[in-house]
């Protein structure tokens, strides 16, 4: 296995991008609603904690910590099982802050970018965390003011890189047909990598597909593969 790579632990995927995502990259997991973006991101965190003993941080801006953990437990990812391994996942629930400021003018009262960066950095240093997941970019845009998107998002991504972590950002595609991987159309240029999840309806079934759309400094397969989840494990079908 190549050194300096963050494994996804998706069966058949890591070998198709030289061992995984290069460490310290800012990578987008993109797709329309219902493509299991959050589940895949948490799966990467969980398996790196369980197998590679890496500590991770999951920042949720939409789903409460309790709801998120209950959902992941049903999918076989119970963080309590990591307690004796010397690793783990820190879930930062920013929805509490959203609720506390609901009656106020949120955009004026809170600098959400600063709050997220400072909170993550505090937990990173306290628990020696290596991986960060931010869920989601669309939720951040609904809270923070990006008056000059090209410049503001550039500096946000740079601040994430300064954390010296492998960063995964969940980005919902509002119009998948246009292949815009973020609301402002600049996110795909600024990100180091893009993993694209897509849906295809076939009769009464809805099939899930995955492609490594972009990964800098990596010879990767650009094909779209069927993505299966058996309740505990993701795998791409290559035959």
C-alpha atoms as a PDB file:
ATOM      1  CA  UNK A   1       0.000   0.000   0.000  1.00  0.00           C
ATOM      2  CA  UNK A   2       1.347   3.405  -0.941  1.00  0.00           C
ATOM      3  CA  UNK A   3       2.626   5.632   1.852  1.00  0.00           C
ATOM      4  CA  UNK A   4       1.037   8.988   2.557  1.00  0.00           C
ATOM      5  CA  UNK A   5      -2.449   7.930   1.472  1.00  0.00           C
ATOM      6  CA  UNK A   6      -5.768   8.080   3.275  1.00  0.00           C
ATOM      7  CA  UNK A   7      -7.572   4.831   2.559  1.00  0.00           C
ATOM      8  CA  UNK A   8     -11.296   4.929   1.827  1.00  0.00           C
ATOM      9  CA  UNK A   9     -11.734   1.218   2.616  1.00  0.00           C
ATOM     10  CA  UNK A  10     -14.269   1.027  -0.214  1.00  0.00           C
ATOM     11  CA  UNK A  11     -13.688  -2.408  -1.724  1.00  0.00           C
ATOM     12  CA  UNK A  12     -11.919  -2.122  -5.088  1.00  0.00           C
ATOM     13  CA  UNK A  13     -11.500   1.662  -4.952  1.00  0.00           C
ATOM     14  CA  UNK A  14      -8.185   2.384  -3.249  1.00  0.00           C
ATOM     15  CA  UNK A  15      -6.208   0.232  -5.680  1.00  0.00           C
ATOM     16  CA  UNK A  16      -7.622   2.383  -8.493  1.00  0.00           C
ATOM     17  CA  UNK A  17      -6.106   5.582  -7.083  1.00  0.00           C
ATOM     18  CA  UNK A  18      -2.646   4.501  -6.008  1.00  0.00           C
ATOM     19  CA  UNK A  19      -3.668   3.420  -2.525  1.00  0.00           C
ATOM     20  CA  UNK A  20      -6.177   6.090  -1.561  1.00  0.00           C
ATOM     21  CA  UNK A  21      -6.564   9.845  -1.211  1.00  0.00           C
ATOM     22  CA  UNK A  22      -3.237  11.661  -0.709  1.00  0.00           C
ATOM     23  CA  UNK A  23      -2.938  12.775   2.907  1.00  0.00           C
ATOM     24  CA  UNK A  24      -3.634  16.452   3.758  1.00  0.00           C
ATOM     25  CA  UNK A  25      -5.818  16.883   0.673  1.00  0.00           C
ATOM     26  CA  UNK A  26      -9.103  18.761   0.660  1.00  0.00           C
ATOM     27  CA  UNK A  27     -11.495  16.340  -1.045  1.00  0.00           C
ATOM     28  CA  UNK A  28     -15.124  16.838  -1.981  1.00  0.00           C
ATOM     29  CA  UNK A  29     -17.647  14.011  -1.789  1.00  0.00           C
ATOM     30  CA  UNK A  30     -20.342  15.263  -4.148  1.00  0.00           C
ATOM     31  CA  UNK A  31     -23.733  14.082  -5.277  1.00  0.00           C
ATOM     32  CA  UNK A  32     -27.420  14.739  -5.269  1.00  0.00           C
ATOM     33  CA  UNK A  33     -29.612  14.051  -2.251  1.00  0.00           C
ATOM     34  CA  UNK A  34     -29.844  10.373  -1.319  1.00  0.00           C
ATOM     35  CA  UNK A  35     -26.458   9.261  -2.660  1.00  0.00           C
ATOM     36  CA  UNK A  36     -25.107   8.294   0.795  1.00  0.00           C
ATOM     37  CA  UNK A  37     -22.511  11.083   0.894  1.00  0.00           C
ATOM     38  CA  UNK A  38     -22.581  11.438   4.683  1.00  0.00           C
ATOM     39  CA  UNK A  39     -22.531   7.683   5.185  1.00  0.00           C
ATOM     40  CA  UNK A  40     -19.499   7.280   2.925  1.00  0.00           C
ATOM     41  CA  UNK A  41     -17.628  10.116   4.661  1.00  0.00           C
ATOM     42  CA  UNK A  42     -18.341   8.655   8.103  1.00  0.00           C
ATOM     43  CA  UNK A  43     -17.387   5.197   6.807  1.00  0.00           C
ATOM     44  CA  UNK A  44     -13.963   6.543   5.823  1.00  0.00           C
ATOM     45  CA  UNK A  45     -13.530   8.107   9.270  1.00  0.00           C
ATOM     46  CA  UNK A  46     -14.719   5.012  11.099  1.00  0.00           C
ATOM     47  CA  UNK A  47     -12.528   2.535   9.269  1.00  0.00           C
ATOM     48  CA  UNK A  48      -9.434   4.704   9.529  1.00  0.00           C
ATOM     49  CA  UNK A  49     -10.059   4.878  13.276  1.00  0.00           C
ATOM     50  CA  UNK A  50     -10.745   1.156  13.582  1.00  0.00           C
ATOM     51  CA  UNK A  51      -8.044  -0.198  11.299  1.00  0.00           C
ATOM     52  CA  UNK A  52      -5.392   2.508  10.987  1.00  0.00           C
ATOM     53  CA  UNK A  53      -5.872   3.925  14.535  1.00  0.00           C
ATOM     54  CA  UNK A  54      -6.320   7.458  13.191  1.00  0.00           C
ATOM     55  CA  UNK A  55      -8.470   9.909  15.135  1.00  0.00           C
ATOM     56  CA  UNK A  56     -11.065  11.865  13.194  1.00  0.00           C
ATOM     57  CA  UNK A  57     -13.447  14.794  13.569  1.00  0.00           C
ATOM     58  CA  UNK A  58     -16.931  14.953  12.081  1.00  0.00           C
ATOM     59  CA  UNK A  59     -18.516  18.440  12.005  1.00  0.00           C
ATOM     60  CA  UNK A  60     -22.261  18.374  11.450  1.00  0.00           C
ATOM     61  CA  UNK A  61     -24.111  21.566  10.552  1.00  0.00           C
ATOM     62  CA  UNK A  62     -27.466  19.971   9.767  1.00  0.00           C
ATOM     63  CA  UNK A  63     -28.018  16.703  11.644  1.00  0.00           C
ATOM     64  CA  UNK A  64     -27.771  16.525  15.425  1.00  0.00           C
ATOM     65  CA  UNK A  65     -25.020  14.449  17.006  1.00  0.00           C
ATOM     66  CA  UNK A  66     -27.544  12.042  18.532  1.00  0.00           C
ATOM     67  CA  UNK A  67     -29.362  11.530  15.239  1.00  0.00           C
ATOM     68  CA  UNK A  68     -26.103  11.059  13.315  1.00  0.00           C
ATOM     69  CA  UNK A  69     -24.689   8.483  15.740  1.00  0.00           C
ATOM     70  CA  UNK A  70     -27.970   6.547  15.926  1.00  0.00           C
ATOM     71  CA  UNK A  71     -28.018   6.320  12.137  1.00  0.00           C
ATOM     72  CA  UNK A  72     -24.404   5.172  11.922  1.00  0.00           C
ATOM     73  CA  UNK A  73     -24.890   2.559  14.660  1.00  0.00           C
ATOM     74  CA  UNK A  74     -27.643   1.000  12.528  1.00  0.00           C
ATOM     75  CA  UNK A  75     -25.111   0.788   9.708  1.00  0.00           C
ATOM     76  CA  UNK A  76     -22.613  -1.085  11.879  1.00  0.00           C
ATOM     77  CA  UNK A  77     -20.466   1.915  12.794  1.00  0.00           C
ATOM     78  CA  UNK A  78     -20.685   2.280  16.562  1.00  0.00           C
ATOM     79  CA  UNK A  79     -17.949   4.566  17.891  1.00  0.00           C
ATOM     80  CA  UNK A  80     -18.196   2.833  21.288  1.00  0.00           C
ATOM     81  CA  UNK A  81     -16.454  -0.149  19.708  1.00  0.00           C
ATOM     82  CA  UNK A  82     -13.392   2.057  19.195  1.00  0.00           C
ATOM     83  CA  UNK A  83     -13.048   2.912  22.892  1.00  0.00           C
ATOM     84  CA  UNK A  84     -10.322   0.356  23.598  1.00  0.00           C
ATOM     85  CA  UNK A  85      -8.419   0.847  20.352  1.00  0.00           C
ATOM     86  CA  UNK A  86      -6.733   4.141  21.239  1.00  0.00           C
ATOM     87  CA  UNK A  87      -8.551   5.885  18.393  1.00  0.00           C
ATOM     88  CA  UNK A  88     -11.968   7.383  17.898  1.00  0.00           C
ATOM     89  CA  UNK A  89     -14.221   9.964  16.261  1.00  0.00           C
ATOM     90  CA  UNK A  90     -15.091  13.364  17.724  1.00  0.00           C
ATOM     91  CA  UNK A  91     -18.511  14.557  16.533  1.00  0.00           C
ATOM     92  CA  UNK A  92     -18.862  18.341  16.731  1.00  0.00           C
ATOM     93  CA  UNK A  93     -22.530  19.292  16.698  1.00  0.00           C
ATOM     94  CA  UNK A  94     -22.780  22.829  15.307  1.00  0.00           C
ATOM     95  CA  UNK A  95     -26.564  22.504  15.078  1.00  0.00           C
ATOM     96  CA  UNK A  96     -26.687  23.543  18.736  1.00  0.00           C
ATOM     97  CA  UNK A  97     -25.152  26.870  17.840  1.00  0.00           C
ATOM     98  CA  UNK A  98     -27.640  27.247  14.994  1.00  0.00           C
ATOM     99  CA  UNK A  99     -30.557  26.705  17.373  1.00  0.00           C
ATOM    100  CA  UNK A 100     -29.175  29.114  19.958  1.00  0.00           C
ATOM    101  CA  UNK A 101     -28.940  31.873  17.371  1.00  0.00           C
ATOM    102  CA  UNK A 102     -32.153  31.100  15.496  1.00  0.00           C
ATOM    103  CA  UNK A 103     -33.956  34.105  16.923  1.00  0.00           C
ATOM    104  CA  UNK A 104     -31.060  36.399  16.037  1.00  0.00           C
ATOM    105  CA  UNK A 105     -29.576  37.601  12.775  1.00  0.00           C
ATOM    106  CA  UNK A 106     -27.243  34.651  12.391  1.00  0.00           C
ATOM    107  CA  UNK A 107     -25.115  36.042   9.590  1.00  0.00           C
ATOM    108  CA  UNK A 108     -24.271  39.169  11.582  1.00  0.00           C
ATOM    109  CA  UNK A 109     -23.799  37.611  15.012  1.00  0.00           C
ATOM    110  CA  UNK A 110     -21.525  34.673  14.173  1.00  0.00           C
ATOM    111  CA  UNK A 111     -18.549  34.316  11.913  1.00  0.00           C
ATOM    112  CA  UNK A 112     -19.255  30.702  11.027  1.00  0.00           C
ATOM    113  CA  UNK A 113     -15.994  30.114   9.184  1.00  0.00           C
ATOM    114  CA  UNK A 114     -13.946  31.333  12.150  1.00  0.00           C
ATOM    115  CA  UNK A 115     -16.087  29.365  14.585  1.00  0.00           C
ATOM    116  CA  UNK A 116     -15.689  26.110  12.650  1.00  0.00           C
ATOM    117  CA  UNK A 117     -11.948  26.514  12.104  1.00  0.00           C
ATOM    118  CA  UNK A 118     -11.238  27.465  15.717  1.00  0.00           C
ATOM    119  CA  UNK A 119     -13.381  24.659  17.123  1.00  0.00           C
ATOM    120  CA  UNK A 120     -11.820  22.035  14.864  1.00  0.00           C
ATOM    121  CA  UNK A 121      -8.306  23.258  15.625  1.00  0.00           C
ATOM    122  CA  UNK A 122      -8.985  23.025  19.363  1.00  0.00           C
ATOM    123  CA  UNK A 123     -10.167  19.419  19.112  1.00  0.00           C
ATOM    124  CA  UNK A 124      -7.389  18.574  16.649  1.00  0.00           C
ATOM    125  CA  UNK A 125      -4.729  19.607  19.127  1.00  0.00           C
ATOM    126  CA  UNK A 126      -6.486  18.103  22.149  1.00  0.00           C
ATOM    127  CA  UNK A 127      -7.049  14.662  20.608  1.00  0.00           C
ATOM    128  CA  UNK A 128      -4.306  14.574  17.926  1.00  0.00           C
ATOM    129  CA  UNK A 129      -6.813  14.171  15.095  1.00  0.00           C
ATOM    130  CA  UNK A 130      -5.702  13.451  11.536  1.00  0.00           C
ATOM    131  CA  UNK A 131      -8.942  13.549   9.516  1.00  0.00           C
ATOM    132  CA  UNK A 132     -11.768  16.076   9.263  1.00  0.00           C
ATOM    133  CA  UNK A 133     -15.213  15.717   7.691  1.00  0.00           C
ATOM    134  CA  UNK A 134     -17.373  18.819   7.189  1.00  0.00           C
ATOM    135  CA  UNK A 135     -21.070  18.132   6.605  1.00  0.00           C
ATOM    136  CA  UNK A 136     -21.957  20.103   4.604  1.00  0.00           C
ATOM    137  CA  UNK A 137     -20.831  22.875   2.282  1.00  0.00           C
ATOM    138  CA  UNK A 138     -24.418  23.759   1.384  1.00  0.00           C
ATOM    139  CA  UNK A 139     -25.286  24.157   5.073  1.00  0.00           C
ATOM    140  CA  UNK A 140     -22.306  26.452   5.591  1.00  0.00           C
ATOM    141  CA  UNK A 141     -23.383  28.594   2.635  1.00  0.00           C
ATOM    142  CA  UNK A 142     -26.839  28.969   4.169  1.00  0.00           C
ATOM    143  CA  UNK A 143     -25.267  30.382   7.333  1.00  0.00           C
ATOM    144  CA  UNK A 144     -22.186  32.338   6.308  1.00  0.00           C
ATOM    145  CA  UNK A 145     -21.943  35.338   4.028  1.00  0.00           C
ATOM    146  CA  UNK A 146     -19.662  34.828   1.022  1.00  0.00           C
ATOM    147  CA  UNK A 147     -19.863  38.262  -0.584  1.00  0.00           C
ATOM    148  CA  UNK A 148     -16.991  37.480  -2.956  1.00  0.00           C
ATOM    149  CA  UNK A 149     -17.352  33.700  -3.426  1.00  0.00           C
ATOM    150  CA  UNK A 150     -14.239  33.079  -5.524  1.00  0.00           C
ATOM    151  CA  UNK A 151     -11.995  34.835  -3.019  1.00  0.00           C
ATOM    152  CA  UNK A 152     -13.867  33.867   0.171  1.00  0.00           C
ATOM    153  CA  UNK A 153     -14.051  30.166  -0.675  1.00  0.00           C
ATOM    154  CA  UNK A 154     -10.388  30.166  -1.705  1.00  0.00           C
ATOM    155  CA  UNK A 155      -9.360  31.494   1.701  1.00  0.00           C
ATOM    156  CA  UNK A 156     -11.722  29.078   3.471  1.00  0.00           C
ATOM    157  CA  UNK A 157     -10.103  26.129   1.700  1.00  0.00           C
ATOM    158  CA  UNK A 158      -6.652  27.518   2.542  1.00  0.00           C
ATOM    159  CA  UNK A 159      -7.588  27.754   6.220  1.00  0.00           C
ATOM    160  CA  UNK A 160      -8.693  24.131   6.101  1.00  0.00           C
ATOM    161  CA  UNK A 161      -5.323  23.165   4.612  1.00  0.00           C
ATOM    162  CA  UNK A 162      -3.545  25.041   7.401  1.00  0.00           C
ATOM    163  CA  UNK A 163      -5.116  22.632   9.886  1.00  0.00           C
ATOM    164  CA  UNK A 164      -2.663  20.044   8.525  1.00  0.00           C
ATOM    165  CA  UNK A 165      -5.350  17.374   8.287  1.00  0.00           C
ATOM    166  CA  UNK A 166      -6.898  15.252   5.576  1.00  0.00           C
ATOM    167  CA  UNK A 167     -10.167  17.088   4.910  1.00  0.00           C
ATOM    168  CA  UNK A 168     -13.354  15.676   3.375  1.00  0.00           C
ATOM    169  CA  UNK A 169     -16.164  18.109   2.553  1.00  0.00           C
ATOM    170  CA  UNK A 170     -19.664  16.958   1.664  1.00  0.00           C
ATOM    171  CA  UNK A 171     -21.138  18.947  -1.199  1.00  0.00           C
ATOM    172  CA  UNK A 172     -24.660  18.476  -2.503  1.00  0.00           C
ATOM    173  CA  UNK A 173     -25.157  18.915  -6.228  1.00  0.00           C
ATOM    174  CA  UNK A 174     -28.323  20.912  -6.784  1.00  0.00           C
ATOM    175  CA  UNK A 175     -28.301  20.350 -10.551  1.00  0.00           C
ATOM    176  CA  UNK A 176     -26.325  17.142 -11.249  1.00  0.00           C
ATOM    177  CA  UNK A 177     -26.901  17.423 -14.999  1.00  0.00           C
ATOM    178  CA  UNK A 178     -24.595  20.467 -15.088  1.00  0.00           C
ATOM    179  CA  UNK A 179     -21.854  18.699 -13.105  1.00  0.00           C
ATOM    180  CA  UNK A 180     -21.392  21.680 -10.797  1.00  0.00           C
ATOM    181  CA  UNK A 181     -19.756  20.265  -7.699  1.00  0.00           C
ATOM    182  CA  UNK A 182     -20.554  23.280  -5.562  1.00  0.00           C
ATOM    183  CA  UNK A 183     -22.997  26.170  -5.427  1.00  0.00           C
ATOM    184  CA  UNK A 184     -20.603  28.777  -6.812  1.00  0.00           C
ATOM    185  CA  UNK A 185     -18.863  26.727  -9.487  1.00  0.00           C
ATOM    186  CA  UNK A 186     -15.370  27.308  -8.066  1.00  0.00           C
ATOM    187  CA  UNK A 187     -15.231  24.514  -5.515  1.00  0.00           C
ATOM    188  CA  UNK A 188     -14.105  21.885  -8.012  1.00  0.00           C
ATOM    189  CA  UNK A 189     -11.099  24.014  -9.019  1.00  0.00           C
ATOM    190  CA  UNK A 190     -10.103  24.670  -5.402  1.00  0.00           C
ATOM    191  CA  UNK A 191     -10.472  21.096  -4.152  1.00  0.00           C
ATOM    192  CA  UNK A 192      -7.579  18.661  -4.501  1.00  0.00           C
ATOM    193  CA  UNK A 193      -9.924  15.748  -5.139  1.00  0.00           C
ATOM    194  CA  UNK A 194     -13.533  15.016  -6.066  1.00  0.00           C
ATOM    195  CA  UNK A 195     -15.383  11.761  -5.445  1.00  0.00           C
ATOM    196  CA  UNK A 196     -18.691  11.858  -7.294  1.00  0.00           C
ATOM    197  CA  UNK A 197     -21.683   9.757  -6.259  1.00  0.00           C
ATOM    198  CA  UNK A 198     -24.541   9.434  -8.730  1.00  0.00           C
ATOM    199  CA  UNK A 199     -27.920   7.746  -9.028  1.00  0.00           C
ATOM    200  CA  UNK A 200     -29.497   5.963 -11.969  1.00  0.00           C
ATOM    201  CA  UNK A 201     -33.060   4.695 -12.077  1.00  0.00           C
ATOM    202  CA  UNK A 202     -33.506   1.318 -13.718  1.00  0.00           C
ATOM    203  CA  UNK A 203     -37.073   0.056 -13.691  1.00  0.00           C
ATOM    204  CA  UNK A 204     -38.133   0.017 -10.071  1.00  0.00           C
ATOM    205  CA  UNK A 205     -34.565   0.108  -8.778  1.00  0.00           C
ATOM    206  CA  UNK A 206     -32.310   3.052  -8.057  1.00  0.00           C
ATOM    207  CA  UNK A 207     -28.652   2.183  -8.520  1.00  0.00           C
ATOM    208  CA  UNK A 208     -25.743   4.057  -6.960  1.00  0.00           C
ATOM    209  CA  UNK A 209     -22.513   4.811  -8.838  1.00  0.00           C
ATOM    210  CA  UNK A 210     -19.112   6.187  -7.812  1.00  0.00           C
ATOM    211  CA  UNK A 211     -16.332   7.862  -9.766  1.00  0.00           C
ATOM    212  CA  UNK A 212     -13.070   9.511  -8.778  1.00  0.00           C
ATOM    213  CA  UNK A 213     -13.713  12.596 -10.876  1.00  0.00           C
ATOM    214  CA  UNK A 214     -10.504  14.340  -9.822  1.00  0.00           C
ATOM    215  CA  UNK A 215      -7.488  13.534  -7.652  1.00  0.00           C
ATOM    216  CA  UNK A 216      -4.348  15.615  -8.014  1.00  0.00           C
ATOM    217  CA  UNK A 217      -0.960  13.897  -8.286  1.00  0.00           C
ATOM    218  CA  UNK A 218      -2.700  10.555  -8.698  1.00  0.00           C
ATOM    219  CA  UNK A 219      -3.094   8.174 -11.603  1.00  0.00           C
ATOM    220  CA  UNK A 220      -6.693   7.201 -11.017  1.00  0.00           C
ATOM    221  CA  UNK A 221      -9.419   5.386 -12.870  1.00  0.00           C
ATOM    222  CA  UNK A 222     -12.109   7.815 -14.093  1.00  0.00           C
ATOM    223  CA  UNK A 223     -14.775   5.189 -14.755  1.00  0.00           C
ATOM    224  CA  UNK A 224     -18.161   5.164 -13.034  1.00  0.00           C
ATOM    225  CA  UNK A 225     -18.618   1.944 -11.090  1.00  0.00           C
ATOM    226  CA  UNK A 226     -21.744   0.575  -9.407  1.00  0.00           C
ATOM    227  CA  UNK A 227     -21.412   1.196  -5.674  1.00  0.00           C
ATOM    228  CA  UNK A 228     -22.856  -1.366  -3.299  1.00  0.00           C
ATOM    229  CA  UNK A 229     -23.432  -1.133   0.442  1.00  0.00           C
ATOM    230  CA  UNK A 230     -24.339  -4.391   2.181  1.00  0.00           C
ATOM    231  CA  UNK A 231     -25.231  -2.771   5.486  1.00  0.00           C
ATOM    232  CA  UNK A 232     -21.681  -2.712   6.798  1.00  0.00           C
ATOM    233  CA  UNK A 233     -19.297  -2.323   3.853  1.00  0.00           C
ATOM    234  CA  UNK A 234     -19.020  -0.253   0.660  1.00  0.00           C
ATOM    235  CA  UNK A 235     -17.689  -1.876  -2.493  1.00  0.00           C
ATOM    236  CA  UNK A 236     -17.460  -0.901  -6.148  1.00  0.00           C
ATOM    237  CA  UNK A 237     -18.368  -3.541  -8.729  1.00  0.00           C
ATOM    238  CA  UNK A 238     -15.646  -3.774 -11.346  1.00  0.00           C
ATOM    239  CA  UNK A 239     -16.701  -6.865 -13.328  1.00  0.00           C
END
